[in-house]
PDB file of all heavy atoms in Angstrom:
ATOM      1  N   TYR A   1      47.098  86.274 -61.315  1.00  0.00           N
ATOM      2  CA  TYR A   1      46.945  86.665 -62.718  1.00  0.00           C
ATOM      3  C   TYR A   1      47.674  85.689 -63.635  1.00  0.00           C
ATOM      4  O   TYR A   1      47.113  85.214 -64.628  1.00  0.00           O
ATOM      5  CB  TYR A   1      47.492  88.082 -62.898  1.00  0.00           C
ATOM      6  CG  TYR A   1      47.254  88.677 -64.266  1.00  0.00           C
ATOM      7  CD1 TYR A   1      46.096  89.398 -64.530  1.00  0.00           C
ATOM      8  CD2 TYR A   1      48.177  88.500 -65.294  1.00  0.00           C
ATOM      9  CE1 TYR A   1      45.862  89.940 -65.784  1.00  0.00           C
ATOM     10  CE2 TYR A   1      47.949  89.039 -66.550  1.00  0.00           C
ATOM     11  CZ  TYR A   1      46.789  89.767 -66.783  1.00  0.00           C
ATOM     12  OH  TYR A   1      46.571  90.292 -68.027  1.00  0.00           O
ATOM     13  N   LEU A   2      48.910  85.364 -63.308  1.00  0.00           N
ATOM     14  CA  LEU A   2      49.689  84.424 -64.114  1.00  0.00           C
ATOM     15  C   LEU A   2      49.072  83.032 -64.088  1.00  0.00           C
ATOM     16  O   LEU A   2      49.101  82.309 -65.091  1.00  0.00           O
ATOM     17  CB  LEU A   2      51.134  84.379 -63.618  1.00  0.00           C
ATOM     18  CG  LEU A   2      51.970  85.638 -63.879  1.00  0.00           C
ATOM     19  CD1 LEU A   2      53.341  85.511 -63.218  1.00  0.00           C
ATOM     20  CD2 LEU A   2      52.134  85.884 -65.368  1.00  0.00           C
ATOM     21  N   GLN A   3      48.510  82.647 -62.946  1.00  0.00           N
ATOM     22  CA  GLN A   3      47.848  81.344 -62.848  1.00  0.00           C
ATOM     23  C   GLN A   3      46.654  81.273 -63.795  1.00  0.00           C
ATOM     24  O   GLN A   3      46.479  80.280 -64.516  1.00  0.00           O
ATOM     25  CB  GLN A   3      47.395  81.096 -61.408  1.00  0.00           C
ATOM     26  CG  GLN A   3      46.776  79.720 -61.184  1.00  0.00           C
ATOM     27  CD  GLN A   3      46.320  79.519 -59.745  1.00  0.00           C
ATOM     28  OE1 GLN A   3      45.912  80.469 -59.060  1.00  0.00           O
ATOM     29  NE2 GLN A   3      46.398  78.300 -59.264  1.00  0.00           N
ATOM     30  N   SER A   4      45.840  82.321 -63.832  1.00  0.00           N
ATOM     31  CA  SER A   4      44.697  82.364 -64.749  1.00  0.00           C
ATOM     32  C   SER A   4      45.171  82.325 -66.190  1.00  0.00           C
ATOM     33  O   SER A   4      44.594  81.625 -67.035  1.00  0.00           O
ATOM     34  CB  SER A   4      43.877  83.638 -64.509  1.00  0.00           C
ATOM     35  OG  SER A   4      43.313  83.642 -63.226  1.00  0.00           O
ATOM     36  N   LEU A   5      46.223  83.053 -66.498  1.00  0.00           N
ATOM     37  CA  LEU A   5      46.767  83.112 -67.858  1.00  0.00           C
ATOM     38  C   LEU A   5      47.251  81.739 -68.310  1.00  0.00           C
ATOM     39  O   LEU A   5      46.988  81.315 -69.444  1.00  0.00           O
ATOM     40  CB  LEU A   5      47.895  84.144 -67.904  1.00  0.00           C
ATOM     41  CG  LEU A   5      48.538  84.461 -69.246  1.00  0.00           C
ATOM     42  CD1 LEU A   5      48.942  85.935 -69.306  1.00  0.00           C
ATOM     43  CD2 LEU A   5      49.788  83.612 -69.490  1.00  0.00           C
ATOM     44  N   ILE A   6      47.940  81.024 -67.436  1.00  0.00           N
ATOM     45  CA  ILE A   6      48.470  79.700 -67.792  1.00  0.00           C
ATOM     46  C   ILE A   6      47.337  78.692 -67.976  1.00  0.00           C
ATOM     47  O   ILE A   6      47.346  77.888 -68.924  1.00  0.00           O
ATOM     48  CB  ILE A   6      49.464  79.230 -66.716  1.00  0.00           C
ATOM     49  CG1 ILE A   6      50.729  80.102 -66.760  1.00  0.00           C
ATOM     50  CG2 ILE A   6      49.840  77.756 -66.934  1.00  0.00           C
ATOM     51  CD1 ILE A   6      51.668  79.888 -65.592  1.00  0.00           C
ATOM     52  N   ILE A   7      46.347  78.713 -67.086  1.00  0.00           N
ATOM     53  CA  ILE A   7      45.203  77.801 -67.209  1.00  0.00           C
ATOM     54  C   ILE A   7      44.472  78.036 -68.531  1.00  0.00           C
ATOM     55  O   ILE A   7      44.103  77.098 -69.241  1.00  0.00           O
ATOM     56  CB  ILE A   7      44.240  77.984 -66.018  1.00  0.00           C
ATOM     57  CG1 ILE A   7      44.891  77.462 -64.727  1.00  0.00           C
ATOM     58  CG2 ILE A   7      42.908  77.269 -66.283  1.00  0.00           C
ATOM     59  CD1 ILE A   7      44.099  77.774 -63.480  1.00  0.00           C
ATOM     60  N   PHE A   8      44.279  79.293 -68.873  1.00  0.00           N
ATOM     61  CA  PHE A   8      43.608  79.642 -70.122  1.00  0.00           C
ATOM     62  C   PHE A   8      44.366  79.088 -71.336  1.00  0.00           C
ATOM     63  O   PHE A   8      43.764  78.508 -72.239  1.00  0.00           O
ATOM     64  CB  PHE A   8      43.483  81.163 -70.229  1.00  0.00           C
ATOM     65  CG  PHE A   8      42.996  81.640 -71.569  1.00  0.00           C
ATOM     66  CD1 PHE A   8      41.664  81.517 -71.912  1.00  0.00           C
ATOM     67  CD2 PHE A   8      43.879  82.196 -72.490  1.00  0.00           C
ATOM     68  CE1 PHE A   8      41.213  81.941 -73.151  1.00  0.00           C
ATOM     69  CE2 PHE A   8      43.440  82.621 -73.719  1.00  0.00           C
ATOM     70  CZ  PHE A   8      42.093  82.499 -74.062  1.00  0.00           C
ATOM     71  N   HIS A   9      45.678  79.248 -71.344  1.00  0.00           N
ATOM     72  CA  HIS A   9      46.464  78.782 -72.478  1.00  0.00           C
ATOM     73  C   HIS A   9      46.540  77.255 -72.543  1.00  0.00           C
ATOM     74  O   HIS A   9      46.574  76.676 -73.635  1.00  0.00           O
ATOM     75  CB  HIS A   9      47.873  79.381 -72.431  1.00  0.00           C
ATOM     76  CG  HIS A   9      47.917  80.814 -72.877  1.00  0.00           C
ATOM     77  ND1 HIS A   9      47.763  81.863 -72.003  1.00  0.00           N
ATOM     78  CD2 HIS A   9      48.091  81.358 -74.112  1.00  0.00           C
ATOM     79  CE1 HIS A   9      47.842  83.001 -72.679  1.00  0.00           C
ATOM     80  NE2 HIS A   9      48.040  82.726 -73.954  1.00  0.00           N
ATOM     81  N   LEU A  10      46.568  76.592 -71.398  1.00  0.00           N
ATOM     82  CA  LEU A  10      46.573  75.129 -71.399  1.00  0.00           C
ATOM     83  C   LEU A  10      45.287  74.582 -72.007  1.00  0.00           C
ATOM     84  O   LEU A  10      45.308  73.672 -72.848  1.00  0.00           O
ATOM     85  CB  LEU A  10      46.750  74.603 -69.969  1.00  0.00           C
ATOM     86  CG  LEU A  10      48.170  74.638 -69.401  1.00  0.00           C
ATOM     87  CD1 LEU A  10      48.152  74.207 -67.933  1.00  0.00           C
ATOM     88  CD2 LEU A  10      49.097  73.720 -70.199  1.00  0.00           C
ATOM     89  N   PHE A  11      44.158  75.136 -71.598  1.00  0.00           N
ATOM     90  CA  PHE A  11      42.867  74.678 -72.116  1.00  0.00           C
ATOM     91  C   PHE A  11      42.774  74.944 -73.621  1.00  0.00           C
ATOM     92  O   PHE A  11      42.414  74.053 -74.406  1.00  0.00           O
ATOM     93  CB  PHE A  11      41.720  75.375 -71.381  1.00  0.00           C
ATOM     94  CG  PHE A  11      40.362  75.019 -71.906  1.00  0.00           C
ATOM     95  CD1 PHE A  11      39.754  73.828 -71.556  1.00  0.00           C
ATOM     96  CD2 PHE A  11      39.696  75.883 -72.775  1.00  0.00           C
ATOM     97  CE1 PHE A  11      38.503  73.494 -72.061  1.00  0.00           C
ATOM     98  CE2 PHE A  11      38.447  75.551 -73.276  1.00  0.00           C
ATOM     99  CZ  PHE A  11      37.845  74.356 -72.915  1.00  0.00           C
ATOM    100  N   GLY A  12      43.103  76.160 -74.025  1.00  0.00           N
ATOM    101  CA  GLY A  12      43.031  76.507 -75.445  1.00  0.00           C
ATOM    102  C   GLY A  12      44.007  75.709 -76.284  1.00  0.00           C
ATOM    103  O   GLY A  12      43.700  75.309 -77.416  1.00  0.00           O
ATOM    104  N   GLY A  13      45.197  75.446 -75.741  1.00  0.00           N
ATOM    105  CA  GLY A  13      46.207  74.681 -76.465  1.00  0.00           C
ATOM    106  C   GLY A  13      45.791  73.238 -76.685  1.00  0.00           C
ATOM    107  O   GLY A  13      45.982  72.687 -77.776  1.00  0.00           O
ATOM    108  N   ILE A  14      45.233  72.616 -75.665  1.00  0.00           N
ATOM    109  CA  ILE A  14      44.787  71.222 -75.800  1.00  0.00           C
ATOM    110  C   ILE A  14      43.679  71.109 -76.842  1.00  0.00           C
ATOM    111  O   ILE A  14      43.680  70.206 -77.692  1.00  0.00           O
ATOM    112  CB  ILE A  14      44.314  70.677 -74.431  1.00  0.00           C
ATOM    113  CG1 ILE A  14      45.512  70.537 -73.476  1.00  0.00           C
ATOM    114  CG2 ILE A  14      43.605  69.334 -74.601  1.00  0.00           C
ATOM    115  CD1 ILE A  14      45.117  70.231 -72.046  1.00  0.00           C
ATOM    116  N   LEU A  15      42.735  72.036 -76.809  1.00  0.00           N
ATOM    117  CA  LEU A  15      41.630  72.018 -77.769  1.00  0.00           C
ATOM    118  C   LEU A  15      42.150  72.189 -79.199  1.00  0.00           C
ATOM    119  O   LEU A  15      41.745  71.449 -80.113  1.00  0.00           O
ATOM    120  CB  LEU A  15      40.631  73.123 -77.433  1.00  0.00           C
ATOM    121  CG  LEU A  15      39.415  73.246 -78.358  1.00  0.00           C
ATOM    122  CD1 LEU A  15      38.584  71.969 -78.328  1.00  0.00           C
ATOM    123  CD2 LEU A  15      38.563  74.452 -77.958  1.00  0.00           C
ATOM    124  N   LEU A  16      43.046  73.137 -79.411  1.00  0.00           N
ATOM    125  CA  LEU A  16      43.580  73.375 -80.754  1.00  0.00           C
ATOM    126  C   LEU A  16      44.402  72.183 -81.238  1.00  0.00           C
ATOM    127  O   LEU A  16      44.308  71.791 -82.415  1.00  0.00           O
ATOM    128  CB  LEU A  16      44.441  74.645 -80.759  1.00  0.00           C
ATOM    129  CG  LEU A  16      45.114  75.005 -82.091  1.00  0.00           C
ATOM    130  CD1 LEU A  16      44.083  75.130 -83.202  1.00  0.00           C
ATOM    131  CD2 LEU A  16      45.917  76.296 -81.952  1.00  0.00           C
ATOM    132  N   PHE A  17      45.188  71.587 -80.357  1.00  0.00           N
ATOM    133  CA  PHE A  17      45.986  70.416 -80.733  1.00  0.00           C
ATOM    134  C   PHE A  17      45.088  69.275 -81.223  1.00  0.00           C
ATOM    135  O   PHE A  17      45.375  68.645 -82.244  1.00  0.00           O
ATOM    136  CB  PHE A  17      46.821  69.950 -79.543  1.00  0.00           C
ATOM    137  CG  PHE A  17      47.618  68.699 -79.809  1.00  0.00           C
ATOM    138  CD1 PHE A  17      48.849  68.762 -80.446  1.00  0.00           C
ATOM    139  CD2 PHE A  17      47.133  67.449 -79.426  1.00  0.00           C
ATOM    140  CE1 PHE A  17      49.582  67.605 -80.704  1.00  0.00           C
ATOM    141  CE2 PHE A  17      47.855  66.295 -79.675  1.00  0.00           C
ATOM    142  CZ  PHE A  17      49.088  66.380 -80.318  1.00  0.00           C
ATOM    143  N   LEU A  18      43.992  69.022 -80.530  1.00  0.00           N
ATOM    144  CA  LEU A  18      43.076  67.948 -80.921  1.00  0.00           C
ATOM    145  C   LEU A  18      42.419  68.239 -82.270  1.00  0.00           C
ATOM    146  O   LEU A  18      42.230  67.329 -83.091  1.00  0.00           O
ATOM    147  CB  LEU A  18      42.020  67.749 -79.844  1.00  0.00           C
ATOM    148  CG  LEU A  18      42.534  67.211 -78.495  1.00  0.00           C
ATOM    149  CD1 LEU A  18      41.412  67.175 -77.465  1.00  0.00           C
ATOM    150  CD2 LEU A  18      43.154  65.829 -78.668  1.00  0.00           C
ATOM    151  N   ILE A  19      42.080  69.506 -82.517  1.00  0.00           N
ATOM    152  CA  ILE A  19      41.480  69.871 -83.803  1.00  0.00           C
ATOM    153  C   ILE A  19      42.454  69.619 -84.949  1.00  0.00           C
ATOM    154  O   ILE A  19      42.099  69.033 -85.981  1.00  0.00           O
ATOM    155  CB  ILE A  19      41.037  71.353 -83.785  1.00  0.00           C
ATOM    156  CG1 ILE A  19      39.842  71.537 -82.858  1.00  0.00           C
ATOM    157  CG2 ILE A  19      40.681  71.826 -85.198  1.00  0.00           C
ATOM    158  CD1 ILE A  19      39.438  72.985 -82.658  1.00  0.00           C
ATOM    159  N   LEU A  20      43.697  70.028 -84.771  1.00  0.00           N
ATOM    160  CA  LEU A  20      44.695  69.863 -85.829  1.00  0.00           C
ATOM    161  C   LEU A  20      45.069  68.393 -86.026  1.00  0.00           C
ATOM    162  O   LEU A  20      45.263  67.929 -87.151  1.00  0.00           O
ATOM    163  CB  LEU A  20      45.951  70.673 -85.494  1.00  0.00           C
ATOM    164  CG  LEU A  20      45.774  72.191 -85.382  1.00  0.00           C
ATOM    165  CD1 LEU A  20      47.067  72.838 -84.936  1.00  0.00           C
ATOM    166  CD2 LEU A  20      45.309  72.789 -86.693  1.00  0.00           C
ATOM    167  N   ARG A  21      45.157  67.662 -84.933  1.00  0.00           N
ATOM    168  CA  ARG A  21      45.591  66.262 -85.002  1.00  0.00           C
ATOM    169  C   ARG A  21      44.524  65.387 -85.642  1.00  0.00           C
ATOM    170  O   ARG A  21      44.845  64.419 -86.347  1.00  0.00           O
ATOM    171  CB  ARG A  21      45.890  65.758 -83.577  1.00  0.00           C
ATOM    172  CG  ARG A  21      46.513  64.369 -83.526  1.00  0.00           C
ATOM    173  CD  ARG A  21      47.973  64.382 -83.859  1.00  0.00           C
ATOM    174  NE  ARG A  21      48.576  63.069 -83.691  1.00  0.00           N
ATOM    175  CZ  ARG A  21      48.710  62.166 -84.648  1.00  0.00           C
ATOM    176  NH1 ARG A  21      48.278  62.441 -85.870  1.00  0.00           N
ATOM    177  NH2 ARG A  21      49.285  61.005 -84.408  1.00  0.00           N
ATOM    178  N   TYR A  22      43.264  65.712 -85.402  1.00  0.00           N
ATOM    179  CA  TYR A  22      42.182  64.851 -85.879  1.00  0.00           C
ATOM    180  C   TYR A  22      41.227  65.599 -86.804  1.00  0.00           C
ATOM    181  O   TYR A  22      40.015  65.331 -86.799  1.00  0.00           O
ATOM    182  CB  TYR A  22      41.421  64.279 -84.677  1.00  0.00           C
ATOM    183  CG  TYR A  22      42.303  63.469 -83.758  1.00  0.00           C
ATOM    184  CD1 TYR A  22      42.719  63.983 -82.527  1.00  0.00           C
ATOM    185  CD2 TYR A  22      42.761  62.209 -84.134  1.00  0.00           C
ATOM    186  CE1 TYR A  22      43.550  63.251 -81.688  1.00  0.00           C
ATOM    187  CE2 TYR A  22      43.595  61.474 -83.300  1.00  0.00           C
ATOM    188  CZ  TYR A  22      43.986  61.999 -82.074  1.00  0.00           C
ATOM    189  OH  TYR A  22      44.813  61.272 -81.248  1.00  0.00           O
ATOM    190  N   GLN A  23      41.747  66.491 -87.621  1.00  0.00           N
ATOM    191  CA  GLN A  23      40.878  67.246 -88.521  1.00  0.00           C
ATOM    192  C   GLN A  23      40.205  66.360 -89.569  1.00  0.00           C
ATOM    193  O   GLN A  23      39.164  66.720 -90.119  1.00  0.00           O
ATOM    194  CB  GLN A  23      41.673  68.354 -89.215  1.00  0.00           C
ATOM    195  CG  GLN A  23      42.712  67.877 -90.208  1.00  0.00           C
ATOM    196  CD  GLN A  23      43.366  69.041 -90.957  1.00  0.00           C
ATOM    197  OE1 GLN A  23      42.979  70.192 -90.816  1.00  0.00           O
ATOM    198  NE2 GLN A  23      44.373  68.736 -91.765  1.00  0.00           N
ATOM    199  N   ASN A  24      40.783  65.184 -89.837  1.00  0.00           N
ATOM    200  CA  ASN A  24      40.167  64.259 -90.789  1.00  0.00           C
ATOM    201  C   ASN A  24      38.827  63.717 -90.289  1.00  0.00           C
ATOM    202  O   ASN A  24      38.003  63.237 -91.070  1.00  0.00           O
ATOM    203  CB  ASN A  24      41.113  63.092 -91.086  1.00  0.00           C
ATOM    204  CG  ASN A  24      41.527  62.351 -89.823  1.00  0.00           C
ATOM    205  OD1 ASN A  24      42.084  62.953 -88.903  1.00  0.00           O
ATOM    206  ND2 ASN A  24      41.276  61.049 -89.777  1.00  0.00           N
ATOM    207  N   LEU A  25      38.568  63.792 -88.986  1.00  0.00           N
ATOM    208  CA  LEU A  25      37.306  63.312 -88.411  1.00  0.00           C
ATOM    209  C   LEU A  25      36.290  64.432 -88.249  1.00  0.00           C
ATOM    210  O   LEU A  25      35.154  64.171 -87.835  1.00  0.00           O
ATOM    211  CB  LEU A  25      37.573  62.678 -87.038  1.00  0.00           C
ATOM    212  CG  LEU A  25      38.600  61.534 -87.002  1.00  0.00           C
ATOM    213  CD1 LEU A  25      38.795  61.057 -85.564  1.00  0.00           C
ATOM    214  CD2 LEU A  25      38.164  60.387 -87.906  1.00  0.00           C
ATOM    215  N   LEU A  26      36.686  65.660 -88.588  1.00  0.00           N
ATOM    216  CA  LEU A  26      35.850  66.832 -88.349  1.00  0.00           C
ATOM    217  C   LEU A  26      35.236  67.323 -89.652  1.00  0.00           C
ATOM    218  O   LEU A  26      35.716  66.999 -90.749  1.00  0.00           O
ATOM    219  CB  LEU A  26      36.690  67.931 -87.685  1.00  0.00           C
ATOM    220  CG  LEU A  26      37.287  67.553 -86.327  1.00  0.00           C
ATOM    221  CD1 LEU A  26      38.263  68.614 -85.848  1.00  0.00           C
ATOM    222  CD2 LEU A  26      36.182  67.343 -85.296  1.00  0.00           C
ATOM    223  N   PRO A  27      34.158  68.125 -89.589  1.00  0.00           N
ATOM    224  CA  PRO A  27      33.479  68.589 -90.813  1.00  0.00           C
ATOM    225  C   PRO A  27      34.278  69.665 -91.554  1.00  0.00           C
ATOM    226  O   PRO A  27      35.367  70.057 -91.132  1.00  0.00           O
ATOM    227  CB  PRO A  27      32.168  69.160 -90.262  1.00  0.00           C
ATOM    228  CG  PRO A  27      32.486  69.566 -88.864  1.00  0.00           C
ATOM    229  CD  PRO A  27      33.486  68.562 -88.361  1.00  0.00           C
ATOM    230  N   MET A  28      33.718  70.141 -92.677  1.00  0.00           N
ATOM    231  CA  MET A  28      34.280  71.218 -93.498  1.00  0.00           C
ATOM    232  C   MET A  28      35.688  70.868 -93.967  1.00  0.00           C
ATOM    233  O   MET A  28      36.622  71.659 -93.855  1.00  0.00           O
ATOM    234  CB  MET A  28      34.285  72.540 -92.727  1.00  0.00           C
ATOM    235  CG  MET A  28      32.900  73.005 -92.291  1.00  0.00           C
ATOM    236  SD  MET A  28      32.915  74.458 -91.239  1.00  0.00           S
ATOM    237  CE  MET A  28      33.536  75.658 -92.406  1.00  0.00           C
ATOM    238  N   ASN A  29      35.821  69.653 -94.487  1.00  0.00           N
ATOM    239  CA  ASN A  29      37.113  69.166 -94.973  1.00  0.00           C
ATOM    240  C   ASN A  29      36.927  68.627 -96.388  1.00  0.00           C
ATOM    241  O   ASN A  29      37.042  67.423 -96.653  1.00  0.00           O
ATOM    242  CB  ASN A  29      37.638  68.084 -94.026  1.00  0.00           C
ATOM    243  CG  ASN A  29      39.041  67.629 -94.386  1.00  0.00           C
ATOM    244  OD1 ASN A  29      39.701  68.197 -95.268  1.00  0.00           O
ATOM    245  ND2 ASN A  29      39.516  66.595 -93.715  1.00  0.00           N
ATOM    246  N   SER A  30      36.625  69.552 -97.330  1.00  0.00           N
ATOM    247  CA  SER A  30      36.271  69.157 -98.692  1.00  0.00           C
ATOM    248  C   SER A  30      37.424  68.502 -99.440  1.00  0.00           C
ATOM    249  O   SER A  30      37.195  67.698-100.358  1.00  0.00           O
ATOM    250  CB  SER A  30      35.784  70.380 -99.478  1.00  0.00           C
ATOM    251  OG  SER A  30      36.783  71.400 -99.493  1.00  0.00           O
ATOM    252  N   LEU A  31      38.671  68.789 -99.049  1.00  0.00           N
ATOM    253  CA  LEU A  31      39.831  68.181 -99.718  1.00  0.00           C
ATOM    254  C   LEU A  31      40.242  66.854 -99.083  1.00  0.00           C
ATOM    255  O   LEU A  31      41.243  66.254 -99.494  1.00  0.00           O
ATOM    256  CB  LEU A  31      41.017  69.156 -99.689  1.00  0.00           C
ATOM    257  CG  LEU A  31      40.856  70.456-100.484  1.00  0.00           C
ATOM    258  CD1 LEU A  31      42.092  71.332-100.337  1.00  0.00           C
ATOM    259  CD2 LEU A  31      40.578  70.164-101.949  1.00  0.00           C
ATOM    260  N   LYS A  32      39.496  66.412 -98.077  1.00  0.00           N
ATOM    261  CA  LYS A  32      39.772  65.148 -97.389  1.00  0.00           C
ATOM    262  C   LYS A  32      41.201  65.117 -96.834  1.00  0.00           C
ATOM    263  O   LYS A  32      41.953  64.150 -96.987  1.00  0.00           O
ATOM    264  CB  LYS A  32      39.565  63.948 -98.322  1.00  0.00           C
ATOM    265  CG  LYS A  32      38.214  63.922 -99.025  1.00  0.00           C
ATOM    266  CD  LYS A  32      37.064  63.867 -98.034  1.00  0.00           C
ATOM    267  CE  LYS A  32      35.718  63.849 -98.766  1.00  0.00           C
ATOM    268  NZ  LYS A  32      34.574  63.892 -97.799  1.00  0.00           N
ATOM    269  N   LEU A  33      41.571  66.191 -96.155  1.00  0.00           N
ATOM    270  CA  LEU A  33      42.927  66.296 -95.620  1.00  0.00           C
ATOM    271  C   LEU A  33      43.070  65.455 -94.358  1.00  0.00           C
ATOM    272  O   LEU A  33      42.138  65.343 -93.552  1.00  0.00           O
ATOM    273  CB  LEU A  33      43.252  67.764 -95.289  1.00  0.00           C
ATOM    274  CG  LEU A  33      43.192  68.733 -96.484  1.00  0.00           C
ATOM    275  CD1 LEU A  33      43.350  70.170 -96.008  1.00  0.00           C
ATOM    276  CD2 LEU A  33      44.282  68.392 -97.494  1.00  0.00           C
ATOM    277  N   VAL A  34      44.251  64.883 -94.174  1.00  0.00           N
ATOM    278  CA  VAL A  34      44.517  64.074 -92.983  1.00  0.00           C
ATOM    279  C   VAL A  34      44.933  64.978 -91.841  1.00  0.00           C
ATOM    280  O   VAL A  34      45.257  66.157 -92.034  1.00  0.00           O
ATOM    281  CB  VAL A  34      45.621  63.033 -93.268  1.00  0.00           C
ATOM    282  CG1 VAL A  34      45.195  62.102 -94.378  1.00  0.00           C
ATOM    283  CG2 VAL A  34      46.936  63.726 -93.627  1.00  0.00           C
ATOM    284  N   GLY A  35      44.931  64.411 -90.630  1.00  0.00           N
ATOM    285  CA  GLY A  35      45.382  65.173 -89.479  1.00  0.00           C
ATOM    286  C   GLY A  35      46.884  65.393 -89.500  1.00  0.00           C
ATOM    287  O   GLY A  35      47.636  64.641 -90.124  1.00  0.00           O
ATOM    288  N   MET A  36      47.330  66.411 -88.810  1.00  0.00           N
ATOM    289  CA  MET A  36      48.758  66.713 -88.734  1.00  0.00           C
ATOM    290  C   MET A  36      49.497  65.673 -87.907  1.00  0.00           C
ATOM    291  O   MET A  36      48.924  65.081 -86.978  1.00  0.00           O
ATOM    292  CB  MET A  36      48.978  68.087 -88.092  1.00  0.00           C
ATOM    293  CG  MET A  36      48.730  69.278 -88.980  1.00  0.00           C
ATOM    294  SD  MET A  36      49.163  70.818 -88.109  1.00  0.00           S
ATOM    295  CE  MET A  36      49.111  71.982 -89.463  1.00  0.00           C
TER     296      MET A  36
END
């Protein structure tokens, strides 16, 4: 159970980090904000 929980959070965390870091390359950014 803990193994599944950790794998799930690792995958979700990596995806969210990439979105925040490179949001300037992604759509729906009307204020032209840079990545974190």
